[in-house]
Every structure is written in structure tokens, then in C-alpha cells.
Amino acid sequence: MLEERGVVATYQERERLARELHDGIGQVLGYVGMQAEAAQDSCRAGDRVKTDSLLTRLIDVAHRSHADLRHSILALKATPTEGSPFLTTLEDYMNDFGRQYGVPVEFTVADPGVQDAVGPAAAAQVLRVIQEALSNTRHAAARKVQVAVEGRDGHACIVISDDGQSFDLAELSRDPGRHFGLAFMNERME
């Protein structure tokens, strides 16, 4: 039964990745192709102002897409594997995140035995929640992030805090459709 669940989870992840590639990089490449053709046409017509405007937009899209792709690769790389301790995978991810985004992440573990409280299935979910939380610190313009792991009554307790801009929780509950990351974090934790 566990093996069957693993196969189903693998197929679901492949479907999710296919959707992400289609909706992400696939859409961007289509847009880039159309804009490049328009820039080529305006260049041939001698319209330097329009050409410059189109190329400036292409550069911006390329930079943003590259950053998004690097973030996705970083998230995929940081997947707990069998035999790899959860806390080690988490620490490696946070170090990579800090280097990539220039935001120092202070990591503290009050009780290394807490690792035993996080089984392999839960580790994957918890790691994804932490990844989303760290990603959200970028939106908050955080300059420093703290991740603390401690044990409480045989359970792992993870606290993530930063010095970035806060948000109004009441506003989030009024418009939940705009904040998919927080909803997904909640679903994973459930």
C-alpha cells in the first residue's frame, strides 16, 4: 500500500511539474518569441524608440523568469531523500537560499533529537512549508530571517521570523484567493 501511494505521489508530482512548466516557462517563452519578432520588425522599420522599448521589456522578463527558475530549482533541489536527515536538508536549503537572495538566515536547533519527531512523509511537507515561508520573506523585503527548531512534547515546533514588512491577517481572510502560498502552507500542515 505504501509503495502504491509512492507511485501515485510520483505521478501527481509529474503532473504538477508539467503544469508549472506549461504555465511558467512555456508562457514566458511564447511571450519572448512574440516580443522578439515585434522588436525585429520595428528595428527593420528603423523605429529605434519602439525597438528600445520592446527590448527593455524583454530584458526585464528574462531577468524575472531567470530568478523564478532559480527559485524553482532551489526548491526542487531541497527535497528530503531517504537517508538524508531532515535537519541537514533544511540547513542546506537555508544556506542556499541565503546565498542566492542575499538574505542571511539564522538557523537554530534547540534539541537535535527533534529530528526523530519528523518522519519522512512529514519532512517533505514541512520543508515545502518552510520554503514557502522563506519565499514570502522576499515579498516582505526582509533583510534577516530566523528559523528556530525546537521540540515540544515529542513534536517539532518550527518558528520562522523576519524583520520585513508585516501584513494584516484580517485582510488575508477577506480575500483568500490572492494568497495561494499561505493557503497551500495551511493545507500541507493539515
N, C-alpha and C. Protein backbone atom coordinates (compact mmCIF):
# COMPACT_ATOMS: atom_id res chain seq x y z
N MET A 1 0.83 -1.19 0.00
CA MET A 1 0.00 0.00 0.00
C MET A 1 0.88 1.27 0.00
N LEU A 2 1.96 1.24 0.79
CA LEU A 2 2.87 2.38 0.82
C LEU A 2 3.55 2.59 -0.53
N GLU A 3 3.92 1.47 -1.17
CA GLU A 3 4.55 1.57 -2.48
C GLU A 3 3.59 2.17 -3.50
N GLU A 4 2.32 1.77 -3.43
CA GLU A 4 1.30 2.30 -4.33
C GLU A 4 1.12 3.80 -4.12
N ARG A 5 1.10 4.23 -2.85
CA ARG A 5 1.00 5.66 -2.56
C ARG A 5 2.17 6.42 -3.14
N GLY A 6 3.35 5.82 -3.04
CA GLY A 6 4.55 6.45 -3.59
C GLY A 6 4.45 6.63 -5.10
N VAL A 7 3.93 5.62 -5.79
CA VAL A 7 3.76 5.70 -7.24
C VAL A 7 2.75 6.80 -7.59
N VAL A 8 1.64 6.84 -6.87
CA VAL A 8 0.62 7.87 -7.11
C VAL A 8 1.21 9.25 -6.86
N ALA A 9 1.95 9.40 -5.77
CA ALA A 9 2.57 10.70 -5.45
C ALA A 9 3.54 11.12 -6.54
N THR A 10 4.29 10.16 -7.09
CA THR A 10 5.23 10.47 -8.17
C THR A 10 4.49 10.98 -9.40
N TYR A 11 3.41 10.32 -9.77
CA TYR A 11 2.62 10.77 -10.93
C TYR A 11 2.01 12.15 -10.68
N GLN A 12 1.52 12.36 -9.48
CA GLN A 12 0.93 13.67 -9.16
C GLN A 12 1.99 14.77 -9.24
N GLU A 13 3.19 14.48 -8.77
CA GLU A 13 4.27 15.46 -8.83
C GLU A 13 4.66 15.74 -10.29
N ARG A 14 4.69 14.70 -11.11
CA ARG A 14 5.00 14.90 -12.53
C ARG A 14 3.94 15.77 -13.20
N GLU A 15 2.68 15.53 -12.89
CA GLU A 15 1.60 16.35 -13.45
C GLU A 15 1.75 17.80 -12.99
N ARG A 16 2.07 17.99 -11.72
CA ARG A 16 2.26 19.34 -11.19
C ARG A 16 3.42 20.02 -11.91
N LEU A 17 4.52 19.31 -12.09
CA LEU A 17 5.67 19.90 -12.79
C LEU A 17 5.32 20.24 -14.23
N ALA A 18 4.56 19.38 -14.89
CA ALA A 18 4.16 19.65 -16.26
C ALA A 18 3.32 20.92 -16.33
N ARG A 19 2.38 21.08 -15.39
CA ARG A 19 1.56 22.30 -15.35
C ARG A 19 2.43 23.52 -15.10
N GLU A 20 3.36 23.39 -14.15
CA GLU A 20 4.26 24.51 -13.83
C GLU A 20 5.08 24.91 -15.04
N LEU A 21 5.63 23.92 -15.76
CA LEU A 21 6.43 24.22 -16.95
C LEU A 21 5.58 24.89 -18.02
N HIS A 22 4.38 24.38 -18.23
CA HIS A 22 3.49 24.97 -19.23
C HIS A 22 3.10 26.38 -18.85
N ASP A 23 2.63 26.55 -17.60
CA ASP A 23 2.13 27.85 -17.17
C ASP A 23 3.25 28.85 -16.89
N GLY A 24 4.42 28.36 -16.60
CA GLY A 24 5.54 29.24 -16.28
C GLY A 24 6.43 29.49 -17.49
N ILE A 25 7.42 28.64 -17.65
CA ILE A 25 8.43 28.85 -18.69
C ILE A 25 7.83 28.77 -20.09
N GLY A 26 6.82 27.92 -20.28
CA GLY A 26 6.19 27.81 -21.60
C GLY A 26 5.53 29.12 -22.02
N GLN A 27 4.79 29.73 -21.09
CA GLN A 27 4.14 31.01 -21.39
C GLN A 27 5.17 32.12 -21.62
N VAL A 28 6.21 32.12 -20.80
CA VAL A 28 7.24 33.15 -20.93
C VAL A 28 7.95 33.04 -22.28
N LEU A 29 8.29 31.83 -22.68
CA LEU A 29 8.99 31.66 -23.96
C LEU A 29 8.09 32.08 -25.13
N GLY A 30 6.80 31.78 -25.05
CA GLY A 30 5.87 32.24 -26.08
C GLY A 30 5.84 33.76 -26.17
N TYR A 31 5.77 34.41 -25.02
CA TYR A 31 5.77 35.88 -24.96
C TYR A 31 7.09 36.44 -25.50
N VAL A 32 8.20 35.85 -25.09
CA VAL A 32 9.51 36.33 -25.55
C VAL A 32 9.62 36.22 -27.07
N GLY A 33 9.15 35.11 -27.61
CA GLY A 33 9.20 34.93 -29.07
C GLY A 33 8.41 36.00 -29.81
N MET A 34 7.19 36.28 -29.33
CA MET A 34 6.35 37.30 -29.98
C MET A 34 6.98 38.69 -29.85
N GLN A 35 7.51 39.01 -28.68
CA GLN A 35 8.12 40.33 -28.47
C GLN A 35 9.40 40.48 -29.28
N ALA A 36 10.17 39.40 -29.41
CA ALA A 36 11.40 39.45 -30.20
C ALA A 36 11.07 39.69 -31.67
N GLU A 37 10.02 39.06 -32.16
CA GLU A 37 9.60 39.28 -33.55
C GLU A 37 9.16 40.73 -33.74
N ALA A 38 8.42 41.26 -32.78
CA ALA A 38 7.98 42.66 -32.86
C ALA A 38 9.19 43.60 -32.83
N ALA A 39 10.17 43.29 -31.99
CA ALA A 39 11.38 44.12 -31.92
C ALA A 39 12.15 44.05 -33.23
N GLN A 40 12.20 42.87 -33.82
CA GLN A 40 12.88 42.71 -35.10
C GLN A 40 12.18 43.54 -36.19
N ASP A 41 10.86 43.49 -36.21
CA ASP A 41 10.09 44.26 -37.19
C ASP A 41 10.32 45.76 -37.00
N SER A 42 10.27 46.24 -35.76
CA SER A 42 10.46 47.67 -35.53
C SER A 42 11.89 48.10 -35.83
N CYS A 43 12.83 47.20 -35.62
CA CYS A 43 14.23 47.51 -35.95
C CYS A 43 14.39 47.65 -37.47
N ARG A 44 13.80 46.72 -38.21
CA ARG A 44 13.87 46.77 -39.68
C ARG A 44 13.19 48.03 -40.21
N ALA A 45 12.14 48.48 -39.49
CA ALA A 45 11.43 49.69 -39.91
C ALA A 45 12.18 50.96 -39.49
N GLY A 46 13.24 50.79 -38.71
CA GLY A 46 14.04 51.94 -38.28
C GLY A 46 13.48 52.68 -37.09
N ASP A 47 12.53 52.09 -36.39
CA ASP A 47 11.92 52.73 -35.22
C ASP A 47 12.72 52.37 -33.97
N ARG A 48 13.73 53.19 -33.68
CA ARG A 48 14.63 52.91 -32.56
C ARG A 48 13.91 53.00 -31.21
N VAL A 49 12.99 53.93 -31.06
CA VAL A 49 12.30 54.12 -29.78
C VAL A 49 11.47 52.88 -29.45
N LYS A 50 10.69 52.40 -30.43
CA LYS A 50 9.86 51.22 -30.20
C LYS A 50 10.74 49.99 -29.98
N THR A 51 11.81 49.86 -30.77
CA THR A 51 12.73 48.73 -30.61
C THR A 51 13.33 48.72 -29.20
N ASP A 52 13.77 49.89 -28.75
CA ASP A 52 14.36 50.00 -27.43
C ASP A 52 13.35 49.62 -26.35
N SER A 53 12.12 50.08 -26.49
CA SER A 53 11.07 49.77 -25.52
C SER A 53 10.80 48.26 -25.46
N LEU A 54 10.69 47.63 -26.63
CA LEU A 54 10.45 46.18 -26.68
C LEU A 54 11.61 45.40 -26.08
N LEU A 55 12.83 45.80 -26.40
CA LEU A 55 14.00 45.10 -25.86
C LEU A 55 14.12 45.29 -24.35
N THR A 56 13.77 46.47 -23.87
CA THR A 56 13.80 46.71 -22.42
C THR A 56 12.82 45.78 -21.72
N ARG A 57 11.62 45.61 -22.28
CA ARG A 57 10.64 44.69 -21.70
C ARG A 57 11.15 43.25 -21.74
N LEU A 58 11.79 42.87 -22.85
CA LEU A 58 12.33 41.51 -22.97
C LEU A 58 13.40 41.25 -21.91
N ILE A 59 14.25 42.23 -21.69
CA ILE A 59 15.30 42.09 -20.68
C ILE A 59 14.68 41.90 -19.31
N ASP A 60 13.67 42.70 -19.00
CA ASP A 60 13.00 42.60 -17.70
C ASP A 60 12.36 41.23 -17.53
N VAL A 61 11.65 40.76 -18.53
CA VAL A 61 11.01 39.44 -18.47
C VAL A 61 12.05 38.34 -18.32
N ALA A 62 13.16 38.46 -19.04
CA ALA A 62 14.21 37.45 -18.94
C ALA A 62 14.80 37.41 -17.53
N HIS A 63 15.06 38.57 -16.94
CA HIS A 63 15.61 38.61 -15.58
C HIS A 63 14.64 38.02 -14.56
N ARG A 64 13.37 38.40 -14.65
CA ARG A 64 12.38 37.88 -13.70
C ARG A 64 12.19 36.37 -13.86
N SER A 65 12.15 35.92 -15.11
CA SER A 65 11.97 34.49 -15.36
C SER A 65 13.17 33.69 -14.87
N HIS A 66 14.35 34.25 -15.07
CA HIS A 66 15.55 33.57 -14.60
C HIS A 66 15.52 33.44 -13.07
N ALA A 67 15.12 34.50 -12.39
CA ALA A 67 15.02 34.46 -10.92
C ALA A 67 13.99 33.43 -10.48
N ASP A 68 12.84 33.39 -11.16
CA ASP A 68 11.80 32.41 -10.82
C ASP A 68 12.30 30.98 -11.05
N LEU A 69 13.01 30.77 -12.16
CA LEU A 69 13.53 29.45 -12.47
C LEU A 69 14.56 29.01 -11.42
N ARG A 70 15.44 29.93 -11.03
CA ARG A 70 16.44 29.60 -9.99
C ARG A 70 15.75 29.26 -8.68
N HIS A 71 14.67 29.98 -8.36
CA HIS A 71 13.92 29.68 -7.14
C HIS A 71 13.31 28.28 -7.23
N SER A 72 12.75 27.94 -8.37
CA SER A 72 12.14 26.61 -8.55
C SER A 72 13.19 25.52 -8.45
N ILE A 73 14.34 25.74 -9.06
CA ILE A 73 15.42 24.74 -8.99
C ILE A 73 15.88 24.56 -7.56
N LEU A 74 16.04 25.66 -6.85
CA LEU A 74 16.45 25.59 -5.45
C LEU A 74 15.44 24.79 -4.64
N ALA A 75 14.16 25.02 -4.87
CA ALA A 75 13.12 24.30 -4.14
C ALA A 75 13.13 22.82 -4.48
N LEU A 76 13.34 22.48 -5.75
CA LEU A 76 13.37 21.07 -6.14
C LEU A 76 14.60 20.37 -5.59
N LYS A 77 15.70 21.09 -5.56
CA LYS A 77 16.95 20.52 -5.04
C LYS A 77 16.82 20.15 -3.57
N ALA A 78 16.08 20.92 -2.85
CA ALA A 78 15.94 20.73 -1.40
C ALA A 78 14.77 19.81 -1.09
N THR A 79 14.93 18.58 -1.43
CA THR A 79 13.90 17.60 -1.15
C THR A 79 14.51 16.53 -0.26
N PRO A 80 13.90 16.25 0.88
CA PRO A 80 14.47 15.23 1.75
C PRO A 80 14.51 13.88 1.03
N THR A 81 15.64 13.25 1.08
CA THR A 81 15.78 11.94 0.46
C THR A 81 16.01 10.91 1.56
N GLU A 82 15.75 9.67 1.21
CA GLU A 82 15.94 8.62 2.19
C GLU A 82 17.41 8.59 2.62
N GLY A 83 17.62 8.56 3.89
CA GLY A 83 18.98 8.52 4.42
C GLY A 83 19.56 9.90 4.68
N SER A 84 18.91 10.94 4.19
CA SER A 84 19.38 12.30 4.42
C SER A 84 18.58 12.89 5.57
N PRO A 85 19.24 13.24 6.67
CA PRO A 85 18.50 13.77 7.82
C PRO A 85 17.76 15.07 7.48
N PHE A 86 16.57 15.19 8.04
CA PHE A 86 15.72 16.35 7.78
C PHE A 86 16.43 17.65 8.11
N LEU A 87 17.04 17.74 9.28
CA LEU A 87 17.67 19.00 9.69
C LEU A 87 18.84 19.37 8.78
N THR A 88 19.56 18.37 8.26
CA THR A 88 20.66 18.64 7.34
C THR A 88 20.13 19.19 6.02
N THR A 89 19.06 18.57 5.50
CA THR A 89 18.44 19.05 4.26
C THR A 89 17.93 20.48 4.45
N LEU A 90 17.30 20.73 5.59
CA LEU A 90 16.77 22.06 5.89
C LEU A 90 17.89 23.09 5.97
N GLU A 91 18.94 22.76 6.67
CA GLU A 91 20.06 23.70 6.81
C GLU A 91 20.71 23.98 5.45
N ASP A 92 20.89 22.95 4.63
CA ASP A 92 21.46 23.15 3.29
C ASP A 92 20.60 24.09 2.46
N TYR A 93 19.26 23.88 2.53
CA TYR A 93 18.36 24.74 1.78
C TYR A 93 18.47 26.19 2.25
N MET A 94 18.48 26.39 3.56
CA MET A 94 18.55 27.76 4.08
C MET A 94 19.87 28.44 3.71
N ASN A 95 20.96 27.69 3.70
CA ASN A 95 22.24 28.26 3.28
C ASN A 95 22.19 28.67 1.80
N ASP A 96 21.63 27.79 0.97
CA ASP A 96 21.48 28.11 -0.46
C ASP A 96 20.58 29.32 -0.65
N PHE A 97 19.48 29.37 0.08
CA PHE A 97 18.54 30.49 -0.01
C PHE A 97 19.25 31.79 0.35
N GLY A 98 19.97 31.78 1.45
CA GLY A 98 20.69 32.98 1.89
C GLY A 98 21.69 33.47 0.87
N ARG A 99 22.43 32.53 0.27
CA ARG A 99 23.42 32.91 -0.76
C ARG A 99 22.73 33.45 -2.01
N GLN A 100 21.67 32.77 -2.44
CA GLN A 100 21.01 33.16 -3.69
C GLN A 100 20.33 34.51 -3.58
N TYR A 101 19.69 34.79 -2.45
CA TYR A 101 18.90 36.01 -2.33
C TYR A 101 19.56 37.08 -1.47
N GLY A 102 20.73 36.79 -0.93
CA GLY A 102 21.43 37.79 -0.13
C GLY A 102 20.73 38.14 1.17
N VAL A 103 19.95 37.19 1.68
CA VAL A 103 19.23 37.39 2.94
C VAL A 103 19.78 36.36 3.94
N PRO A 104 20.52 36.82 4.95
CA PRO A 104 21.05 35.85 5.90
C PRO A 104 19.94 35.13 6.66
N VAL A 105 20.10 33.81 6.80
CA VAL A 105 19.13 33.01 7.53
C VAL A 105 19.85 32.41 8.74
N GLU A 106 19.41 32.82 9.92
CA GLU A 106 19.97 32.29 11.16
C GLU A 106 19.18 31.03 11.53
N PHE A 107 19.88 29.92 11.70
CA PHE A 107 19.23 28.64 11.95
C PHE A 107 19.66 28.13 13.32
N THR A 108 18.68 27.89 14.18
CA THR A 108 18.99 27.34 15.49
C THR A 108 18.15 26.10 15.74
N VAL A 109 18.78 25.12 16.36
CA VAL A 109 18.10 23.89 16.73
C VAL A 109 18.30 23.71 18.23
N ALA A 110 17.22 23.87 18.99
CA ALA A 110 17.30 23.79 20.45
C ALA A 110 17.52 22.35 20.90
N ASP A 111 16.96 21.39 20.16
CA ASP A 111 17.05 19.98 20.54
C ASP A 111 17.24 19.15 19.28
N PRO A 112 18.50 18.71 19.00
CA PRO A 112 18.74 17.91 17.79
C PRO A 112 17.91 16.63 17.75
N GLY A 113 17.43 16.15 18.91
CA GLY A 113 16.59 14.95 18.94
C GLY A 113 15.24 15.16 18.30
N VAL A 114 14.90 16.42 18.02
CA VAL A 114 13.61 16.72 17.40
C VAL A 114 13.52 16.09 16.00
N GLN A 115 14.68 15.80 15.42
CA GLN A 115 14.69 15.19 14.09
C GLN A 115 13.88 13.89 14.08
N ASP A 116 13.90 13.16 15.19
CA ASP A 116 13.15 11.91 15.27
C ASP A 116 11.64 12.14 15.26
N ALA A 117 11.20 13.36 15.57
CA ALA A 117 9.77 13.67 15.61
C ALA A 117 9.23 13.97 14.21
N VAL A 118 10.12 14.12 13.23
CA VAL A 118 9.70 14.45 11.87
C VAL A 118 9.98 13.25 10.96
N GLY A 119 8.94 12.48 10.68
CA GLY A 119 9.09 11.32 9.80
C GLY A 119 9.29 11.75 8.36
N PRO A 120 9.68 10.82 7.48
CA PRO A 120 9.99 11.16 6.09
C PRO A 120 8.84 11.84 5.33
N ALA A 121 7.61 11.35 5.51
CA ALA A 121 6.47 11.95 4.80
C ALA A 121 6.22 13.36 5.30
N ALA A 122 6.28 13.54 6.62
CA ALA A 122 6.07 14.87 7.19
C ALA A 122 7.22 15.80 6.83
N ALA A 123 8.44 15.27 6.75
CA ALA A 123 9.61 16.10 6.44
C ALA A 123 9.45 16.80 5.09
N ALA A 124 8.94 16.08 4.10
CA ALA A 124 8.74 16.68 2.78
C ALA A 124 7.74 17.82 2.85
N GLN A 125 6.64 17.63 3.59
CA GLN A 125 5.62 18.66 3.71
C GLN A 125 6.13 19.87 4.49
N VAL A 126 6.80 19.60 5.60
CA VAL A 126 7.32 20.69 6.44
C VAL A 126 8.37 21.49 5.68
N LEU A 127 9.22 20.80 4.93
CA LEU A 127 10.24 21.51 4.15
C LEU A 127 9.59 22.42 3.12
N ARG A 128 8.54 21.98 2.46
CA ARG A 128 7.86 22.81 1.46
C ARG A 128 7.22 24.04 2.12
N VAL A 129 6.69 23.87 3.32
CA VAL A 129 6.09 25.00 4.05
C VAL A 129 7.18 26.01 4.40
N ILE A 130 8.31 25.51 4.87
CA ILE A 130 9.42 26.41 5.21
C ILE A 130 9.92 27.13 3.96
N GLN A 131 10.00 26.43 2.84
CA GLN A 131 10.42 27.06 1.59
C GLN A 131 9.48 28.20 1.22
N GLU A 132 8.18 27.95 1.33
CA GLU A 132 7.20 28.99 1.00
C GLU A 132 7.33 30.17 1.96
N ALA A 133 7.52 29.87 3.25
CA ALA A 133 7.67 30.95 4.23
C ALA A 133 8.92 31.79 3.92
N LEU A 134 10.01 31.14 3.57
CA LEU A 134 11.22 31.89 3.22
C LEU A 134 11.00 32.70 1.94
N SER A 135 10.30 32.12 1.00
CA SER A 135 9.99 32.85 -0.23
C SER A 135 9.17 34.09 0.09
N ASN A 136 8.24 33.96 1.01
CA ASN A 136 7.41 35.10 1.41
C ASN A 136 8.22 36.21 2.06
N THR A 137 9.34 35.86 2.68
CA THR A 137 10.17 36.90 3.30
C THR A 137 10.74 37.83 2.24
N ARG A 138 10.89 37.34 1.02
CA ARG A 138 11.35 38.20 -0.08
C ARG A 138 10.31 39.25 -0.40
N HIS A 139 9.02 38.85 -0.37
CA HIS A 139 7.94 39.81 -0.64
C HIS A 139 7.87 40.87 0.45
N ALA A 140 8.29 40.50 1.66
CA ALA A 140 8.25 41.41 2.79
C ALA A 140 9.49 42.29 2.88
N ALA A 141 10.39 42.14 1.91
CA ALA A 141 11.64 42.90 1.88
C ALA A 141 12.46 42.69 3.15
N ALA A 142 12.47 41.44 3.63
CA ALA A 142 13.25 41.12 4.83
C ALA A 142 14.74 41.20 4.54
N ARG A 143 15.48 41.63 5.55
CA ARG A 143 16.94 41.69 5.44
C ARG A 143 17.60 40.61 6.28
N LYS A 144 16.82 39.99 7.16
CA LYS A 144 17.34 38.93 8.02
C LYS A 144 16.18 38.00 8.40
N VAL A 145 16.45 36.71 8.42
CA VAL A 145 15.43 35.72 8.74
C VAL A 145 15.98 34.79 9.82
N GLN A 146 15.12 34.39 10.75
CA GLN A 146 15.49 33.41 11.76
C GLN A 146 14.56 32.21 11.63
N VAL A 147 15.16 31.02 11.67
CA VAL A 147 14.40 29.78 11.69
C VAL A 147 14.87 29.02 12.93
N ALA A 148 13.94 28.76 13.84
CA ALA A 148 14.26 28.06 15.08
C ALA A 148 13.47 26.76 15.14
N VAL A 149 14.17 25.68 15.45
CA VAL A 149 13.54 24.37 15.57
C VAL A 149 13.72 23.91 17.01
N GLU A 150 12.62 23.52 17.61
CA GLU A 150 12.70 23.00 18.98
C GLU A 150 11.69 21.88 19.14
N GLY A 151 11.86 21.10 20.18
CA GLY A 151 10.94 20.02 20.47
C GLY A 151 9.98 20.42 21.57
N ARG A 152 8.71 20.05 21.38
CA ARG A 152 7.69 20.30 22.41
C ARG A 152 6.81 19.06 22.52
N ASP A 153 6.88 18.42 23.65
CA ASP A 153 6.05 17.25 23.91
C ASP A 153 6.14 16.19 22.81
N GLY A 154 7.35 15.91 22.35
CA GLY A 154 7.56 14.89 21.32
C GLY A 154 7.24 15.34 19.91
N HIS A 155 6.96 16.63 19.72
CA HIS A 155 6.66 17.17 18.41
C HIS A 155 7.71 18.22 18.04
N ALA A 156 7.86 18.45 16.76
CA ALA A 156 8.74 19.51 16.30
C ALA A 156 7.97 20.81 16.23
N CYS A 157 8.57 21.87 16.70
CA CYS A 157 7.98 23.21 16.61
C CYS A 157 8.97 24.07 15.85
N ILE A 158 8.52 24.65 14.75
CA ILE A 158 9.39 25.46 13.91
C ILE A 158 8.83 26.87 13.86
N VAL A 159 9.68 27.84 14.21
CA VAL A 159 9.27 29.24 14.22
C VAL A 159 10.13 29.98 13.20
N ILE A 160 9.45 30.67 12.28
CA ILE A 160 10.14 31.45 11.26
C ILE A 160 9.77 32.91 11.47
N SER A 161 10.78 33.75 11.61
CA SER A 161 10.53 35.18 11.81
C SER A 161 11.50 35.98 10.96
N ASP A 162 11.11 37.22 10.66
CA ASP A 162 11.97 38.08 9.86
C ASP A 162 11.75 39.54 10.25
N ASP A 163 12.59 40.41 9.71
CA ASP A 163 12.49 41.83 10.02
C ASP A 163 11.81 42.61 8.89
N GLY A 164 11.06 41.91 8.04
CA GLY A 164 10.40 42.55 6.91
C GLY A 164 9.07 43.18 7.27
N GLN A 165 8.37 43.64 6.23
CA GLN A 165 7.07 44.27 6.41
C GLN A 165 6.05 43.21 6.82
N SER A 166 5.15 43.59 7.70
CA SER A 166 4.12 42.65 8.13
C SER A 166 2.91 42.75 7.21
N PHE A 167 1.90 41.96 7.50
CA PHE A 167 0.66 42.02 6.73
C PHE A 167 -0.52 41.88 7.69
N ASP A 168 -1.67 42.28 7.22
CA ASP A 168 -2.88 42.25 8.04
C ASP A 168 -3.59 40.92 7.82
N LEU A 169 -3.61 40.08 8.85
CA LEU A 169 -4.24 38.77 8.75
C LEU A 169 -5.72 38.86 8.41
N ALA A 170 -6.40 39.89 8.93
CA ALA A 170 -7.83 40.07 8.63
C ALA A 170 -8.04 40.32 7.14
N GLU A 171 -7.14 41.08 6.54
CA GLU A 171 -7.24 41.35 5.10
C GLU A 171 -7.07 40.07 4.30
N LEU A 172 -6.18 39.21 4.74
CA LEU A 172 -5.95 37.95 4.05
C LEU A 172 -7.19 37.07 4.08
N SER A 173 -7.89 37.05 5.20
CA SER A 173 -9.07 36.21 5.30
C SER A 173 -10.24 36.76 4.46
N ARG A 174 -10.23 38.07 4.19
CA ARG A 174 -11.29 38.66 3.35
C ARG A 174 -11.07 38.33 1.88
N ASP A 175 -9.83 38.12 1.47
CA ASP A 175 -9.53 37.86 0.06
C ASP A 175 -8.55 36.69 -0.05
N PRO A 176 -8.99 35.47 0.29
CA PRO A 176 -8.08 34.33 0.30
C PRO A 176 -7.62 33.92 -1.10
N GLY A 177 -8.33 34.29 -2.14
CA GLY A 177 -7.97 33.90 -3.50
C GLY A 177 -6.69 34.52 -4.02
N ARG A 178 -6.21 35.56 -3.35
CA ARG A 178 -4.99 36.24 -3.81
C ARG A 178 -3.73 35.69 -3.14
N HIS A 179 -3.88 34.83 -2.15
CA HIS A 179 -2.73 34.41 -1.35
C HIS A 179 -2.64 32.88 -1.34
N PHE A 180 -2.33 32.33 -2.51
CA PHE A 180 -2.30 30.88 -2.65
C PHE A 180 -1.21 30.24 -1.80
N GLY A 181 -0.06 30.91 -1.68
CA GLY A 181 1.05 30.34 -0.90
C GLY A 181 0.65 30.05 0.53
N LEU A 182 -0.03 31.00 1.17
CA LEU A 182 -0.45 30.80 2.55
C LEU A 182 -1.48 29.68 2.66
N ALA A 183 -2.39 29.61 1.69
CA ALA A 183 -3.40 28.54 1.70
C ALA A 183 -2.73 27.18 1.52
N PHE A 184 -1.75 27.11 0.61
CA PHE A 184 -1.06 25.84 0.39
C PHE A 184 -0.25 25.44 1.63
N MET A 185 0.34 26.43 2.31
CA MET A 185 1.08 26.12 3.53
C MET A 185 0.14 25.51 4.57
N ASN A 186 -1.02 26.10 4.70
CA ASN A 186 -2.01 25.60 5.67
C ASN A 186 -2.44 24.17 5.31
N GLU A 187 -2.71 23.92 4.03
CA GLU A 187 -3.12 22.59 3.59
C GLU A 187 -2.02 21.56 3.87
N ARG A 188 -0.79 21.92 3.60
CA ARG A 188 0.32 20.98 3.84
C ARG A 188 0.45 20.65 5.33
N MET A 189 0.30 21.67 6.16
CA MET A 189 0.43 21.43 7.59
C MET A 189 -0.71 20.57 8.13
N GLU A 190 -1.91 20.73 7.57
CA GLU A 190 -3.03 19.88 7.98
C GLU A 190 -2.73 18.44 7.61
